[in-house]
Amino acid sequence: MFGSPRLRSLLSESPEAGMGLSTTLVEELERFTGEGWDQEDDITLLTLECSRNRS
């Protein structure tokens, strides 16, 4: 299982945000699963960006 600990570690190492983060996560998942792996379940990936209005 890819797992939450692996995801947390990856997020702490990656300063990217937005689409860069999504790309990084998908690439890491592909490295984790390897070539020829059959998808057994759905994958949902959602990234959020927080913007603060500094008035």
PDB file of N, CA and C in Angstrom:
ATOM      1  N   MET A   1       0.837  -1.160   0.000  1.00  0.00           N
ATOM      2  CA  MET A   1       0.000   0.000   0.000  1.00  0.00           C
ATOM      3  C   MET A   1       0.899   1.246   0.000  1.00  0.00           C
ATOM      4  N   PHE A   2       0.523   2.241  -0.772  1.00  0.00           N
ATOM      5  CA  PHE A   2       1.289   3.479  -0.830  1.00  0.00           C
ATOM      6  C   PHE A   2       1.314   4.133   0.551  1.00  0.00           C
ATOM      7  N   GLY A   3       0.169   4.267   1.176  1.00  0.00           N
ATOM      8  CA  GLY A   3       0.047   4.652   2.576  1.00  0.00           C
ATOM      9  C   GLY A   3       0.252   6.114   2.919  1.00  0.00           C
ATOM     10  N   SER A   4      -0.367   6.496   4.021  1.00  0.00           N
ATOM     11  CA  SER A   4      -0.281   7.875   4.520  1.00  0.00           C
ATOM     12  C   SER A   4       1.131   8.270   4.948  1.00  0.00           C
ATOM     13  N   PRO A   5       1.885   7.388   5.624  1.00  0.00           N
ATOM     14  CA  PRO A   5       3.252   7.785   6.003  1.00  0.00           C
ATOM     15  C   PRO A   5       4.117   8.129   4.780  1.00  0.00           C
ATOM     16  N   ARG A   6       4.002   7.365   3.726  1.00  0.00           N
ATOM     17  CA  ARG A   6       4.776   7.633   2.506  1.00  0.00           C
ATOM     18  C   ARG A   6       4.327   8.966   1.899  1.00  0.00           C
ATOM     19  N   LEU A   7       3.027   9.209   1.879  1.00  0.00           N
ATOM     20  CA  LEU A   7       2.501  10.458   1.341  1.00  0.00           C
ATOM     21  C   LEU A   7       2.984  11.649   2.172  1.00  0.00           C
ATOM     22  N   ARG A   8       2.921  11.544   3.492  1.00  0.00           N
ATOM     23  CA  ARG A   8       3.393  12.633   4.361  1.00  0.00           C
ATOM     24  C   ARG A   8       4.880  12.923   4.129  1.00  0.00           C
ATOM     25  N   SER A   9       5.664  11.879   4.016  1.00  0.00           N
ATOM     26  CA  SER A   9       7.096  12.036   3.774  1.00  0.00           C
ATOM     27  C   SER A   9       7.342  12.750   2.449  1.00  0.00           C
ATOM     28  N   LEU A  10       6.646  12.333   1.425  1.00  0.00           N
ATOM     29  CA  LEU A  10       6.788  12.942   0.111  1.00  0.00           C
ATOM     30  C   LEU A  10       6.378  14.409   0.146  1.00  0.00           C
ATOM     31  N   LEU A  11       5.296  14.723   0.828  1.00  0.00           N
ATOM     32  CA  LEU A  11       4.830  16.108   0.917  1.00  0.00           C
ATOM     33  C   LEU A  11       5.805  16.982   1.694  1.00  0.00           C
ATOM     34  N   SER A  12       6.424  16.429   2.711  1.00  0.00           N
ATOM     35  CA  SER A  12       7.382  17.217   3.494  1.00  0.00           C
ATOM     36  C   SER A  12       8.665  17.492   2.714  1.00  0.00           C
ATOM     37  N   GLU A  13       8.969  16.645   1.728  1.00  0.00           N
ATOM     38  CA  GLU A  13      10.180  16.809   0.918  1.00  0.00           C
ATOM     39  C   GLU A  13       9.942  17.670  -0.316  1.00  0.00           C
ATOM     40  N   SER A  14       8.688  17.881  -0.688  1.00  0.00           N
ATOM     41  CA  SER A  14       8.375  18.566  -1.933  1.00  0.00           C
ATOM     42  C   SER A  14       7.858  19.980  -1.671  1.00  0.00           C
ATOM     43  N   PRO A  15       8.636  20.992  -2.058  1.00  0.00           N
ATOM     44  CA  PRO A  15       8.196  22.370  -1.843  1.00  0.00           C
ATOM     45  C   PRO A  15       7.206  22.858  -2.902  1.00  0.00           C
ATOM     46  N   GLU A  16       6.929  22.031  -3.897  1.00  0.00           N
ATOM     47  CA  GLU A  16       6.059  22.439  -4.998  1.00  0.00           C
ATOM     48  C   GLU A  16       4.613  22.539  -4.537  1.00  0.00           C
ATOM     49  N   ALA A  17       3.825  23.240  -5.324  1.00  0.00           N
ATOM     50  CA  ALA A  17       2.393  23.355  -5.053  1.00  0.00           C
ATOM     51  C   ALA A  17       1.635  23.252  -6.368  1.00  0.00           C
ATOM     52  N   GLY A  18       0.320  23.102  -6.282  1.00  0.00           N
ATOM     53  CA  GLY A  18      -0.518  23.075  -7.477  1.00  0.00           C
ATOM     54  C   GLY A  18      -0.220  21.906  -8.393  1.00  0.00           C
ATOM     55  N   MET A  19      -0.169  22.191  -9.696  1.00  0.00           N
ATOM     56  CA  MET A  19       0.037  21.140 -10.692  1.00  0.00           C
ATOM     57  C   MET A  19       1.398  20.468 -10.527  1.00  0.00           C
ATOM     58  N   GLY A  20       2.405  21.202 -10.071  1.00  0.00           N
ATOM     59  CA  GLY A  20       3.711  20.599  -9.835  1.00  0.00           C
ATOM     60  C   GLY A  20       3.633  19.504  -8.788  1.00  0.00           C
ATOM     61  N   LEU A  21       2.871  19.750  -7.748  1.00  0.00           N
ATOM     62  CA  LEU A  21       2.689  18.756  -6.694  1.00  0.00           C
ATOM     63  C   LEU A  21       1.922  17.554  -7.222  1.00  0.00           C
ATOM     64  N   SER A  22       0.875  17.784  -7.989  1.00  0.00           N
ATOM     65  CA  SER A  22       0.094  16.682  -8.567  1.00  0.00           C
ATOM     66  C   SER A  22       0.973  15.806  -9.442  1.00  0.00           C
ATOM     67  N   THR A  23       1.792  16.428 -10.272  1.00  0.00           N
ATOM     68  CA  THR A  23       2.695  15.687 -11.153  1.00  0.00           C
ATOM     69  C   THR A  23       3.678  14.860 -10.340  1.00  0.00           C
ATOM     70  N   THR A  24       4.242  15.467  -9.298  1.00  0.00           N
ATOM     71  CA  THR A  24       5.190  14.761  -8.434  1.00  0.00           C
ATOM     72  C   THR A  24       4.538  13.544  -7.793  1.00  0.00           C
ATOM     73  N   LEU A  25       3.330  13.699  -7.294  1.00  0.00           N
ATOM     74  CA  LEU A  25       2.637  12.584  -6.637  1.00  0.00           C
ATOM     75  C   LEU A  25       2.315  11.455  -7.608  1.00  0.00           C
ATOM     76  N   VAL A  26       1.859  11.791  -8.798  1.00  0.00           N
ATOM     77  CA  VAL A  26       1.547  10.756  -9.800  1.00  0.00           C
ATOM     78  C   VAL A  26       2.827  10.037 -10.223  1.00  0.00           C
ATOM     79  N   GLU A  27       3.915  10.772 -10.413  1.00  0.00           N
ATOM     80  CA  GLU A  27       5.186  10.139 -10.776  1.00  0.00           C
ATOM     81  C   GLU A  27       5.672   9.201  -9.679  1.00  0.00           C
ATOM     82  N   GLU A  28       5.528   9.615  -8.428  1.00  0.00           N
ATOM     83  CA  GLU A  28       5.941   8.758  -7.313  1.00  0.00           C
ATOM     84  C   GLU A  28       5.078   7.499  -7.248  1.00  0.00           C
ATOM     85  N   LEU A  29       3.791   7.635  -7.501  1.00  0.00           N
ATOM     86  CA  LEU A  29       2.899   6.472  -7.528  1.00  0.00           C
ATOM     87  C   LEU A  29       3.324   5.507  -8.630  1.00  0.00           C
ATOM     88  N   GLU A  30       3.686   6.030  -9.796  1.00  0.00           N
ATOM     89  CA  GLU A  30       4.134   5.171 -10.895  1.00  0.00           C
ATOM     90  C   GLU A  30       5.436   4.445 -10.536  1.00  0.00           C
ATOM     91  N   ARG A  31       6.354   5.129  -9.850  1.00  0.00           N
ATOM     92  CA  ARG A  31       7.596   4.471  -9.410  1.00  0.00           C
ATOM     93  C   ARG A  31       7.284   3.389  -8.377  1.00  0.00           C
ATOM     94  N   PHE A  32       6.343   3.664  -7.499  1.00  0.00           N
ATOM     95  CA  PHE A  32       5.969   2.730  -6.439  1.00  0.00           C
ATOM     96  C   PHE A  32       5.350   1.455  -7.010  1.00  0.00           C
ATOM     97  N   THR A  33       4.474   1.610  -7.999  1.00  0.00           N
ATOM     98  CA  THR A  33       3.761   0.452  -8.532  1.00  0.00           C
ATOM     99  C   THR A  33       4.583  -0.345  -9.541  1.00  0.00           C
ATOM    100  N   GLY A  34       5.445   0.322 -10.281  1.00  0.00           N
ATOM    101  CA  GLY A  34       6.257  -0.370 -11.275  1.00  0.00           C
ATOM    102  C   GLY A  34       5.522  -0.587 -12.589  1.00  0.00           C
ATOM    103  N   GLU A  35       6.271  -1.061 -13.562  1.00  0.00           N
ATOM    104  CA  GLU A  35       5.730  -1.291 -14.893  1.00  0.00           C
ATOM    105  C   GLU A  35       4.814  -2.515 -14.927  1.00  0.00           C
ATOM    106  N   GLY A  36       3.782  -2.455 -15.736  1.00  0.00           N
ATOM    107  CA  GLY A  36       2.898  -3.595 -15.915  1.00  0.00           C
ATOM    108  C   GLY A  36       1.932  -3.835 -14.763  1.00  0.00           C
ATOM    109  N   TRP A  37       1.814  -2.887 -13.867  1.00  0.00           N
ATOM    110  CA  TRP A  37       0.916  -3.030 -12.724  1.00  0.00           C
ATOM    111  C   TRP A  37      -0.513  -2.735 -13.141  1.00  0.00           C
ATOM    112  N   ASP A  38      -1.441  -3.607 -12.760  1.00  0.00           N
ATOM    113  CA  ASP A  38      -2.860  -3.403 -13.061  1.00  0.00           C
ATOM    114  C   ASP A  38      -3.518  -2.650 -11.922  1.00  0.00           C
ATOM    115  N   GLN A  39      -4.209  -1.571 -12.280  1.00  0.00           N
ATOM    116  CA  GLN A  39      -4.922  -0.762 -11.291  1.00  0.00           C
ATOM    117  C   GLN A  39      -6.084  -1.563 -10.721  1.00  0.00           C
ATOM    118  N   GLU A  40      -6.090  -1.758  -9.404  1.00  0.00           N
ATOM    119  CA  GLU A  40      -7.145  -2.542  -8.763  1.00  0.00           C
ATOM    120  C   GLU A  40      -8.231  -1.686  -8.135  1.00  0.00           C
ATOM    121  N   ASP A  41      -7.943  -0.425  -7.926  1.00  0.00           N
ATOM    122  CA  ASP A  41      -8.891   0.448  -7.257  1.00  0.00           C
ATOM    123  C   ASP A  41      -8.776   1.844  -7.849  1.00  0.00           C
ATOM    124  N   ASP A  42      -9.738   2.693  -7.534  1.00  0.00           N
ATOM    125  CA  ASP A  42      -9.700   4.067  -8.013  1.00  0.00           C
ATOM    126  C   ASP A  42      -8.602   4.854  -7.301  1.00  0.00           C
ATOM    127  N   ILE A  43      -8.099   5.843  -7.985  1.00  0.00           N
ATOM    128  CA  ILE A  43      -7.147   6.771  -7.387  1.00  0.00           C
ATOM    129  C   ILE A  43      -7.761   8.161  -7.478  1.00  0.00           C
ATOM    130  N   THR A  44      -7.856   8.820  -6.356  1.00  0.00           N
ATOM    131  CA  THR A  44      -8.351  10.193  -6.321  1.00  0.00           C
ATOM    132  C   THR A  44      -7.243  11.074  -5.785  1.00  0.00           C
ATOM    133  N   LEU A  45      -6.964  12.134  -6.496  1.00  0.00           N
ATOM    134  CA  LEU A  45      -5.927  13.056  -6.083  1.00  0.00           C
ATOM    135  C   LEU A  45      -6.502  14.463  -6.140  1.00  0.00           C
ATOM    136  N   LEU A  46      -6.451  15.134  -5.016  1.00  0.00           N
ATOM    137  CA  LEU A  46      -6.970  16.490  -4.923  1.00  0.00           C
ATOM    138  C   LEU A  46      -5.915  17.351  -4.256  1.00  0.00           C
ATOM    139  N   THR A  47      -5.545  18.433  -4.897  1.00  0.00           N
ATOM    140  CA  THR A  47      -4.628  19.380  -4.281  1.00  0.00           C
ATOM    141  C   THR A  47      -5.354  20.707  -4.157  1.00  0.00           C
ATOM    142  N   LEU A  48      -5.130  21.376  -3.045  1.00  0.00           N
ATOM    143  CA  LEU A  48      -5.769  22.662  -2.782  1.00  0.00           C
ATOM    144  C   LEU A  48      -4.697  23.723  -2.607  1.00  0.00           C
ATOM    145  N   GLU A  49      -5.015  24.911  -2.993  1.00  0.00           N
ATOM    146  CA  GLU A  49      -4.101  26.028  -2.798  1.00  0.00           C
ATOM    147  C   GLU A  49      -4.814  27.079  -1.960  1.00  0.00           C
ATOM    148  N   CYS A  50      -4.157  27.500  -0.920  1.00  0.00           N
ATOM    149  CA  CYS A  50      -4.715  28.522  -0.045  1.00  0.00           C
ATOM    150  C   CYS A  50      -4.111  29.865  -0.416  1.00  0.00           C
ATOM    151  N   SER A  51      -4.962  30.809  -0.709  1.00  0.00           N
ATOM    152  CA  SER A  51      -4.469  32.161  -0.973  1.00  0.00           C
ATOM    153  C   SER A  51      -5.103  33.106   0.028  1.00  0.00           C
ATOM    154  N   ARG A  52      -4.292  33.948   0.571  1.00  0.00           N
ATOM    155  CA  ARG A  52      -4.783  34.878   1.590  1.00  0.00           C
ATOM    156  C   ARG A  52      -4.804  36.278   1.007  1.00  0.00           C
ATOM    157  N   ASN A  53      -5.895  36.940   1.227  1.00  0.00           N
ATOM    158  CA  ASN A  53      -6.032  38.309   0.784  1.00  0.00           C
ATOM    159  C   ASN A  53      -5.403  39.218   1.829  1.00  0.00           C
ATOM    160  N   ARG A  54      -4.312  39.838   1.476  1.00  0.00           N
ATOM    161  CA  ARG A  54      -3.602  40.703   2.418  1.00  0.00           C
ATOM    162  C   ARG A  54      -3.966  42.154   2.154  1.00  0.00           C
ATOM    163  N   SER A  55      -5.048  42.590   2.773  1.00  0.00           N
ATOM    164  CA  SER A  55      -5.490  43.976   2.578  1.00  0.00           C
ATOM    165  C   SER A  55      -5.069  44.835   3.727  1.00  0.00           C
TER     166      SER A  55
END
